[in-house]
Amino acid sequence: MATVTVEVNGRPYAVGCADGQEDRVRALARQFDAQVRAVADSVGNVGDLRLFLMSALILADELQ
């Protein structure tokens, strides 16, 4: 199992992933970071947890 450090909203996070999936995890994290930053620009600094939740809900809505 590999560990990748990704940055979301300016903070580093260590994420475990299957060997060979490091680049995919980094790409997904960049996409999520862009969504989090867009939400932060819209609603202001409401804390990482709330920003992450709002961003996850937006991305889930887009999938449906």
PDB file of N, CA and C in Angstrom:
ATOM      1  N   MET A   1       0.841  -1.173   0.000  1.00  0.00           N
ATOM      2  CA  MET A   1       0.000   0.000   0.000  1.00  0.00           C
ATOM      3  C   MET A   1       0.892   1.245   0.000  1.00  0.00           C
ATOM      4  N   ALA A   2       0.546   2.178  -0.854  1.00  0.00           N
ATOM      5  CA  ALA A   2       1.305   3.417  -0.976  1.00  0.00           C
ATOM      6  C   ALA A   2       0.638   4.515  -0.153  1.00  0.00           C
ATOM      7  N   THR A   3       1.397   5.531   0.162  1.00  0.00           N
ATOM      8  CA  THR A   3       0.870   6.719   0.820  1.00  0.00           C
ATOM      9  C   THR A   3       1.239   7.925  -0.018  1.00  0.00           C
ATOM     10  N   VAL A   4       0.252   8.766  -0.273  1.00  0.00           N
ATOM     11  CA  VAL A   4       0.436   9.971  -1.075  1.00  0.00           C
ATOM     12  C   VAL A   4       0.066  11.161  -0.203  1.00  0.00           C
ATOM     13  N   THR A   5       0.848  12.213  -0.268  1.00  0.00           N
ATOM     14  CA  THR A   5       0.478  13.448   0.415  1.00  0.00           C
ATOM     15  C   THR A   5      -0.138  14.384  -0.612  1.00  0.00           C
ATOM     16  N   VAL A   6      -1.373  14.793  -0.343  1.00  0.00           N
ATOM     17  CA  VAL A   6      -2.089  15.708  -1.227  1.00  0.00           C
ATOM     18  C   VAL A   6      -2.384  16.982  -0.457  1.00  0.00           C
ATOM     19  N   GLU A   7      -2.634  18.039  -1.178  1.00  0.00           N
ATOM     20  CA  GLU A   7      -2.952  19.317  -0.544  1.00  0.00           C
ATOM     21  C   GLU A   7      -4.359  19.723  -0.930  1.00  0.00           C
ATOM     22  N   VAL A   8      -5.167  20.017   0.085  1.00  0.00           N
ATOM     23  CA  VAL A   8      -6.527  20.498  -0.134  1.00  0.00           C
ATOM     24  C   VAL A   8      -6.712  21.751   0.707  1.00  0.00           C
ATOM     25  N   ASN A   9      -7.088  22.812   0.049  1.00  0.00           N
ATOM     26  CA  ASN A   9      -7.303  24.099   0.715  1.00  0.00           C
ATOM     27  C   ASN A   9      -6.069  24.543   1.498  1.00  0.00           C
ATOM     28  N   GLY A  10      -4.904  24.265   0.922  1.00  0.00           N
ATOM     29  CA  GLY A  10      -3.663  24.726   1.517  1.00  0.00           C
ATOM     30  C   GLY A  10      -3.116  23.869   2.642  1.00  0.00           C
ATOM     31  N   ARG A  11      -3.751  22.725   2.905  1.00  0.00           N
ATOM     32  CA  ARG A  11      -3.284  21.847   3.984  1.00  0.00           C
ATOM     33  C   ARG A  11      -2.903  20.474   3.425  1.00  0.00           C
ATOM     34  N   PRO A  12      -1.819  19.907   3.925  1.00  0.00           N
ATOM     35  CA  PRO A  12      -1.412  18.584   3.446  1.00  0.00           C
ATOM     36  C   PRO A  12      -2.186  17.467   4.161  1.00  0.00           C
ATOM     37  N   TYR A  13      -2.502  16.418   3.397  1.00  0.00           N
ATOM     38  CA  TYR A  13      -3.179  15.243   3.940  1.00  0.00           C
ATOM     39  C   TYR A  13      -2.496  14.007   3.380  1.00  0.00           C
ATOM     40  N   ALA A  14      -2.177  13.053   4.251  1.00  0.00           N
ATOM     41  CA  ALA A  14      -1.616  11.777   3.816  1.00  0.00           C
ATOM     42  C   ALA A  14      -2.775  10.835   3.520  1.00  0.00           C
ATOM     43  N   VAL A  15      -2.739  10.244   2.329  1.00  0.00           N
ATOM     44  CA  VAL A  15      -3.823   9.366   1.880  1.00  0.00           C
ATOM     45  C   VAL A  15      -3.220   8.038   1.444  1.00  0.00           C
ATOM     46  N   GLY A  16      -3.768   6.948   1.937  1.00  0.00           N
ATOM     47  CA  GLY A  16      -3.332   5.630   1.508  1.00  0.00           C
ATOM     48  C   GLY A  16      -4.027   5.237   0.219  1.00  0.00           C
ATOM     49  N   CYS A  17      -3.324   4.510  -0.616  1.00  0.00           N
ATOM     50  CA  CYS A  17      -3.917   4.036  -1.866  1.00  0.00           C
ATOM     51  C   CYS A  17      -3.179   2.782  -2.314  1.00  0.00           C
ATOM     52  N   ALA A  18      -3.764   2.092  -3.272  1.00  0.00           N
ATOM     53  CA  ALA A  18      -3.119   0.902  -3.825  1.00  0.00           C
ATOM     54  C   ALA A  18      -1.849   1.305  -4.567  1.00  0.00           C
ATOM     55  N   ASP A  19      -0.880   0.452  -4.529  1.00  0.00           N
ATOM     56  CA  ASP A  19       0.348   0.707  -5.283  1.00  0.00           C
ATOM     57  C   ASP A  19       0.001   0.954  -6.752  1.00  0.00           C
ATOM     58  N   GLY A  20       0.618   1.954  -7.329  1.00  0.00           N
ATOM     59  CA  GLY A  20       0.376   2.292  -8.719  1.00  0.00           C
ATOM     60  C   GLY A  20      -0.757   3.285  -8.936  1.00  0.00           C
ATOM     61  N   GLN A  21      -1.492   3.611  -7.893  1.00  0.00           N
ATOM     62  CA  GLN A  21      -2.619   4.532  -8.014  1.00  0.00           C
ATOM     63  C   GLN A  21      -2.294   5.950  -7.532  1.00  0.00           C
ATOM     64  N   GLU A  22      -1.025   6.189  -7.258  1.00  0.00           N
ATOM     65  CA  GLU A  22      -0.630   7.480  -6.691  1.00  0.00           C
ATOM     66  C   GLU A  22      -1.003   8.657  -7.598  1.00  0.00           C
ATOM     67  N   ASP A  23      -0.741   8.553  -8.878  1.00  0.00           N
ATOM     68  CA  ASP A  23      -1.050   9.657  -9.790  1.00  0.00           C
ATOM     69  C   ASP A  23      -2.546   9.899  -9.871  1.00  0.00           C
ATOM     70  N   ARG A  24      -3.333   8.834  -9.860  1.00  0.00           N
ATOM     71  CA  ARG A  24      -4.797   8.977  -9.895  1.00  0.00           C
ATOM     72  C   ARG A  24      -5.294   9.689  -8.642  1.00  0.00           C
ATOM     73  N   VAL A  25      -4.769   9.324  -7.495  1.00  0.00           N
ATOM     74  CA  VAL A  25      -5.172   9.963  -6.235  1.00  0.00           C
ATOM     75  C   VAL A  25      -4.788  11.444  -6.256  1.00  0.00           C
ATOM     76  N   ARG A  26      -3.608  11.753  -6.757  1.00  0.00           N
ATOM     77  CA  ARG A  26      -3.194  13.163  -6.847  1.00  0.00           C
ATOM     78  C   ARG A  26      -4.130  13.952  -7.770  1.00  0.00           C
ATOM     79  N   ALA A  27      -4.516  13.356  -8.891  1.00  0.00           N
ATOM     80  CA  ALA A  27      -5.422  14.024  -9.830  1.00  0.00           C
ATOM     81  C   ALA A  27      -6.795  14.251  -9.194  1.00  0.00           C
ATOM     82  N   LEU A  28      -7.302  13.255  -8.491  1.00  0.00           N
ATOM     83  CA  LEU A  28      -8.590  13.408  -7.812  1.00  0.00           C
ATOM     84  C   LEU A  28      -8.511  14.481  -6.731  1.00  0.00           C
ATOM     85  N   ALA A  29      -7.409  14.511  -6.013  1.00  0.00           N
ATOM     86  CA  ALA A  29      -7.233  15.520  -4.967  1.00  0.00           C
ATOM     87  C   ALA A  29      -7.178  16.923  -5.562  1.00  0.00           C
ATOM     88  N   ARG A  30      -6.551  17.080  -6.720  1.00  0.00           N
ATOM     89  CA  ARG A  30      -6.523  18.394  -7.377  1.00  0.00           C
ATOM     90  C   ARG A  30      -7.934  18.823  -7.765  1.00  0.00           C
ATOM     91  N   GLN A  31      -8.730  17.884  -8.263  1.00  0.00           N
ATOM     92  CA  GLN A  31     -10.112  18.188  -8.628  1.00  0.00           C
ATOM     93  C   GLN A  31     -10.910  18.589  -7.382  1.00  0.00           C
ATOM     94  N   PHE A  32     -10.753  17.830  -6.315  1.00  0.00           N
ATOM     95  CA  PHE A  32     -11.461  18.143  -5.073  1.00  0.00           C
ATOM     96  C   PHE A  32     -11.005  19.482  -4.511  1.00  0.00           C
ATOM     97  N   ASP A  33      -9.715  19.746  -4.558  1.00  0.00           N
ATOM     98  CA  ASP A  33      -9.176  21.020  -4.081  1.00  0.00           C
ATOM     99  C   ASP A  33      -9.788  22.188  -4.845  1.00  0.00           C
ATOM    100  N   ALA A  34      -9.930  22.047  -6.142  1.00  0.00           N
ATOM    101  CA  ALA A  34     -10.539  23.113  -6.949  1.00  0.00           C
ATOM    102  C   ALA A  34     -11.981  23.356  -6.510  1.00  0.00           C
ATOM    103  N   GLN A  35     -12.712  22.276  -6.225  1.00  0.00           N
ATOM    104  CA  GLN A  35     -14.100  22.416  -5.768  1.00  0.00           C
ATOM    105  C   GLN A  35     -14.145  23.085  -4.397  1.00  0.00           C
ATOM    106  N   VAL A  36     -13.285  22.663  -3.495  1.00  0.00           N
ATOM    107  CA  VAL A  36     -13.245  23.241  -2.147  1.00  0.00           C
ATOM    108  C   VAL A  36     -12.921  24.733  -2.228  1.00  0.00           C
ATOM    109  N   ARG A  37     -11.965  25.097  -3.047  1.00  0.00           N
ATOM    110  CA  ARG A  37     -11.605  26.513  -3.175  1.00  0.00           C
ATOM    111  C   ARG A  37     -12.735  27.333  -3.788  1.00  0.00           C
ATOM    112  N   ALA A  38     -13.481  26.747  -4.725  1.00  0.00           N
ATOM    113  CA  ALA A  38     -14.625  27.448  -5.310  1.00  0.00           C
ATOM    114  C   ALA A  38     -15.708  27.678  -4.261  1.00  0.00           C
ATOM    115  N   VAL A  39     -15.958  26.679  -3.440  1.00  0.00           N
ATOM    116  CA  VAL A  39     -16.946  26.835  -2.363  1.00  0.00           C
ATOM    117  C   VAL A  39     -16.458  27.882  -1.369  1.00  0.00           C
ATOM    118  N   ALA A  40     -15.188  27.837  -1.003  1.00  0.00           N
ATOM    119  CA  ALA A  40     -14.634  28.810  -0.058  1.00  0.00           C
ATOM    120  C   ALA A  40     -14.751  30.228  -0.605  1.00  0.00           C
ATOM    121  N   ASP A  41     -14.523  30.396  -1.902  1.00  0.00           N
ATOM    122  CA  ASP A  41     -14.664  31.720  -2.511  1.00  0.00           C
ATOM    123  C   ASP A  41     -16.103  32.207  -2.437  1.00  0.00           C
ATOM    124  N   SER A  42     -17.041  31.268  -2.496  1.00  0.00           N
ATOM    125  CA  SER A  42     -18.463  31.608  -2.492  1.00  0.00           C
ATOM    126  C   SER A  42     -19.007  31.900  -1.092  1.00  0.00           C
ATOM    127  N   VAL A  43     -18.620  31.068  -0.115  1.00  0.00           N
ATOM    128  CA  VAL A  43     -19.218  31.186   1.223  1.00  0.00           C
ATOM    129  C   VAL A  43     -18.269  31.730   2.276  1.00  0.00           C
ATOM    130  N   GLY A  44     -17.005  31.858   1.943  1.00  0.00           N
ATOM    131  CA  GLY A  44     -16.039  32.345   2.924  1.00  0.00           C
ATOM    132  C   GLY A  44     -15.446  31.200   3.722  1.00  0.00           C
ATOM    133  N   ASN A  45     -14.686  31.550   4.729  1.00  0.00           N
ATOM    134  CA  ASN A  45     -14.002  30.559   5.551  1.00  0.00           C
ATOM    135  C   ASN A  45     -14.950  30.054   6.634  1.00  0.00           C
ATOM    136  N   VAL A  46     -15.515  28.881   6.401  1.00  0.00           N
ATOM    137  CA  VAL A  46     -16.444  28.288   7.367  1.00  0.00           C
ATOM    138  C   VAL A  46     -15.846  27.047   8.016  1.00  0.00           C
ATOM    139  N   GLY A  47     -14.563  26.838   7.839  1.00  0.00           N
ATOM    140  CA  GLY A  47     -13.883  25.675   8.404  1.00  0.00           C
ATOM    141  C   GLY A  47     -13.749  24.568   7.381  1.00  0.00           C
ATOM    142  N   ASP A  48     -12.649  23.830   7.478  1.00  0.00           N
ATOM    143  CA  ASP A  48     -12.363  22.782   6.498  1.00  0.00           C
ATOM    144  C   ASP A  48     -13.442  21.710   6.459  1.00  0.00           C
ATOM    145  N   LEU A  49     -13.908  21.269   7.611  1.00  0.00           N
ATOM    146  CA  LEU A  49     -14.895  20.198   7.637  1.00  0.00           C
ATOM    147  C   LEU A  49     -16.151  20.589   6.868  1.00  0.00           C
ATOM    148  N   ARG A  50     -16.659  21.776   7.118  1.00  0.00           N
ATOM    149  CA  ARG A  50     -17.862  22.230   6.428  1.00  0.00           C
ATOM    150  C   ARG A  50     -17.593  22.440   4.939  1.00  0.00           C
ATOM    151  N   LEU A  51     -16.436  23.012   4.604  1.00  0.00           N
ATOM    152  CA  LEU A  51     -16.080  23.177   3.189  1.00  0.00           C
ATOM    153  C   LEU A  51     -15.998  21.838   2.476  1.00  0.00           C
ATOM    154  N   PHE A  52     -15.395  20.849   3.142  1.00  0.00           N
ATOM    155  CA  PHE A  52     -15.257  19.524   2.545  1.00  0.00           C
ATOM    156  C   PHE A  52     -16.638  18.893   2.353  1.00  0.00           C
ATOM    157  N   LEU A  53     -17.504  19.011   3.344  1.00  0.00           N
ATOM    158  CA  LEU A  53     -18.846  18.444   3.238  1.00  0.00           C
ATOM    159  C   LEU A  53     -19.627  19.096   2.105  1.00  0.00           C
ATOM    160  N   MET A  54     -19.613  20.411   2.053  1.00  0.00           N
ATOM    161  CA  MET A  54     -20.328  21.120   0.996  1.00  0.00           C
ATOM    162  C   MET A  54     -19.793  20.734  -0.377  1.00  0.00           C
ATOM    163  N   SER A  55     -18.483  20.636  -0.499  1.00  0.00           N
ATOM    164  CA  SER A  55     -17.862  20.266  -1.769  1.00  0.00           C
ATOM    165  C   SER A  55     -18.219  18.846  -2.164  1.00  0.00           C
ATOM    166  N   ALA A  56     -18.204  17.939  -1.203  1.00  0.00           N
ATOM    167  CA  ALA A  56     -18.558  16.544  -1.488  1.00  0.00           C
ATOM    168  C   ALA A  56     -20.012  16.443  -1.944  1.00  0.00           C
ATOM    169  N   LEU A  57     -20.898  17.188  -1.322  1.00  0.00           N
ATOM    170  CA  LEU A  57     -22.294  17.164  -1.731  1.00  0.00           C
ATOM    171  C   LEU A  57     -22.479  17.718  -3.149  1.00  0.00           C
ATOM    172  N   ILE A  58     -21.758  18.767  -3.469  1.00  0.00           N
ATOM    173  CA  ILE A  58     -21.835  19.337  -4.824  1.00  0.00           C
ATOM    174  C   ILE A  58     -21.344  18.324  -5.851  1.00  0.00           C
ATOM    175  N   LEU A  59     -20.218  17.681  -5.572  1.00  0.00           N
ATOM    176  CA  LEU A  59     -19.674  16.685  -6.503  1.00  0.00           C
ATOM    177  C   LEU A  59     -20.616  15.479  -6.623  1.00  0.00           C
ATOM    178  N   ALA A  60     -21.215  15.043  -5.518  1.00  0.00           N
ATOM    179  CA  ALA A  60     -22.154  13.931  -5.577  1.00  0.00           C
ATOM    180  C   ALA A  60     -23.384  14.306  -6.398  1.00  0.00           C
ATOM    181  N   ASP A  61     -23.842  15.545  -6.238  1.00  0.00           N
ATOM    182  CA  ASP A  61     -24.983  16.014  -7.018  1.00  0.00           C
ATOM    183  C   ASP A  61     -24.662  16.011  -8.506  1.00  0.00           C
ATOM    184  N   GLU A  62     -23.453  16.423  -8.857  1.00  0.00           N
ATOM    185  CA  GLU A  62     -23.045  16.432 -10.263  1.00  0.00           C
ATOM    186  C   GLU A  62     -23.006  15.018 -10.841  1.00  0.00           C
ATOM    187  N   LEU A  63     -22.669  14.039 -10.031  1.00  0.00           N
ATOM    188  CA  LEU A  63     -22.631  12.648 -10.489  1.00  0.00           C
ATOM    189  C   LEU A  63     -24.024  12.099 -10.767  1.00  0.00           C
ATOM    190  N   GLN A  64     -25.013  12.641 -10.071  1.00  0.00           N
ATOM    191  CA  GLN A  64     -26.382  12.160 -10.274  1.00  0.00           C
ATOM    192  C   GLN A  64     -27.035  12.966 -11.352  1.00  0.00           C
TER     193      GLN A  64
END
